[in-house]
């Protein structure tokens, strides 16, 4: 479940921290809907990259101004 949500989150995320937040939210909702014990998924994203833009998305600040 975690891997699928991680991959899905990458398409919309702008920063690494966005991915972690989206995955946690999705897993938590899914487990609640399934009435199963929470697995409390964890992802560690180091402080040096937590707010970096993901490399496959162009930052709005890097786009040419029209």
C-alpha atoms as a PDB file:
ATOM      1  CA  UNK A   1       0.000   0.000   0.000  1.00  0.00           C
ATOM      2  CA  UNK A   2       2.764   2.452   0.981  1.00  0.00           C
ATOM      3  CA  UNK A   3       4.689   2.040  -2.285  1.00  0.00           C
ATOM      4  CA  UNK A   4       1.615   2.615  -4.417  1.00  0.00           C
ATOM      5  CA  UNK A   5       0.693   5.762  -2.537  1.00  0.00           C
ATOM      6  CA  UNK A   6       4.291   6.984  -2.695  1.00  0.00           C
ATOM      7  CA  UNK A   7       4.361   6.608  -6.471  1.00  0.00           C
ATOM      8  CA  UNK A   8       0.961   8.277  -6.833  1.00  0.00           C
ATOM      9  CA  UNK A   9       2.045  11.199  -4.643  1.00  0.00           C
ATOM     10  CA  UNK A  10       5.078  11.920  -6.805  1.00  0.00           C
ATOM     11  CA  UNK A  11       2.946  13.131  -9.713  1.00  0.00           C
ATOM     12  CA  UNK A  12       1.473  16.078  -7.821  1.00  0.00           C
ATOM     13  CA  UNK A  13       4.102  16.836  -5.196  1.00  0.00           C
ATOM     14  CA  UNK A  14       6.331  19.861  -5.453  1.00  0.00           C
ATOM     15  CA  UNK A  15       8.617  19.101  -2.500  1.00  0.00           C
ATOM     16  CA  UNK A  16       9.816  15.928  -0.792  1.00  0.00           C
ATOM     17  CA  UNK A  17       7.895  16.893   2.343  1.00  0.00           C
ATOM     18  CA  UNK A  18       4.685  17.010   0.272  1.00  0.00           C
ATOM     19  CA  UNK A  19       5.200  13.381  -0.741  1.00  0.00           C
ATOM     20  CA  UNK A  20       5.611  12.246   2.867  1.00  0.00           C
ATOM     21  CA  UNK A  21       2.495  14.131   3.984  1.00  0.00           C
ATOM     22  CA  UNK A  22       0.355  12.819   1.115  1.00  0.00           C
ATOM     23  CA  UNK A  23       1.431   9.212   1.667  1.00  0.00           C
ATOM     24  CA  UNK A  24       0.742   9.330   5.402  1.00  0.00           C
ATOM     25  CA  UNK A  25      -2.701  10.826   4.775  1.00  0.00           C
ATOM     26  CA  UNK A  26      -3.612   8.207   2.148  1.00  0.00           C
ATOM     27  CA  UNK A  27      -2.432   5.240   4.206  1.00  0.00           C
ATOM     28  CA  UNK A  28      -4.207   6.504   7.323  1.00  0.00           C
ATOM     29  CA  UNK A  29      -7.503   6.959   5.441  1.00  0.00           C
ATOM     30  CA  UNK A  30      -7.256   3.565   3.769  1.00  0.00           C
ATOM     31  CA  UNK A  31      -6.546   1.736   7.018  1.00  0.00           C
ATOM     32  CA  UNK A  32      -9.447   3.495   8.728  1.00  0.00           C
ATOM     33  CA  UNK A  33     -11.771   2.533   5.865  1.00  0.00           C
ATOM     34  CA  UNK A  34     -10.594  -1.079   6.139  1.00  0.00           C
ATOM     35  CA  UNK A  35     -11.072  -1.044   9.934  1.00  0.00           C
ATOM     36  CA  UNK A  36      -7.550  -2.366  10.495  1.00  0.00           C
ATOM     37  CA  UNK A  37      -4.967  -1.451  13.081  1.00  0.00           C
ATOM     38  CA  UNK A  38      -2.946   1.586  12.038  1.00  0.00           C
ATOM     39  CA  UNK A  39       0.460   0.656  10.657  1.00  0.00           C
ATOM     40  CA  UNK A  40       1.821   4.140  11.325  1.00  0.00           C
ATOM     41  CA  UNK A  41       3.912   4.333   8.151  1.00  0.00           C
ATOM     42  CA  UNK A  42       7.098   6.310   8.356  1.00  0.00           C
ATOM     43  CA  UNK A  43       9.304   7.997   5.816  1.00  0.00           C
ATOM     44  CA  UNK A  44      12.523   9.759   6.673  1.00  0.00           C
ATOM     45  CA  UNK A  45      13.400  12.757   4.551  1.00  0.00           C
ATOM     46  CA  UNK A  46      16.528  14.492   5.805  1.00  0.00           C
ATOM     47  CA  UNK A  47      16.561  18.151   6.746  1.00  0.00           C
ATOM     48  CA  UNK A  48      18.892  18.945   3.840  1.00  0.00           C
ATOM     49  CA  UNK A  49      16.277  17.946   1.254  1.00  0.00           C
ATOM     50  CA  UNK A  50      12.898  18.162   2.991  1.00  0.00           C
ATOM     51  CA  UNK A  51      12.001  21.452   1.298  1.00  0.00           C
ATOM     52  CA  UNK A  52      13.813  20.883  -1.975  1.00  0.00           C
ATOM     53  CA  UNK A  53      11.666  20.673  -5.078  1.00  0.00           C
ATOM     54  CA  UNK A  54      11.361  17.198  -6.499  1.00  0.00           C
ATOM     55  CA  UNK A  55      13.670  16.849  -9.520  1.00  0.00           C
ATOM     56  CA  UNK A  56      10.998  15.798 -12.010  1.00  0.00           C
ATOM     57  CA  UNK A  57       8.925  18.967 -11.587  1.00  0.00           C
ATOM     58  CA  UNK A  58      10.032  22.360 -12.708  1.00  0.00           C
ATOM     59  CA  UNK A  59       9.793  24.935  -9.990  1.00  0.00           C
ATOM     60  CA  UNK A  60       7.499  27.838 -10.768  1.00  0.00           C
ATOM     61  CA  UNK A  61      10.333  30.177  -9.816  1.00  0.00           C
ATOM     62  CA  UNK A  62      12.517  28.682 -12.575  1.00  0.00           C
ATOM     63  CA  UNK A  63       9.984  29.174 -15.338  1.00  0.00           C
ATOM     64  CA  UNK A  64      10.511  32.151 -17.630  1.00  0.00           C
ATOM     65  CA  UNK A  65       8.314  35.146 -16.872  1.00  0.00           C
ATOM     66  CA  UNK A  66       5.951  36.080 -19.682  1.00  0.00           C
END
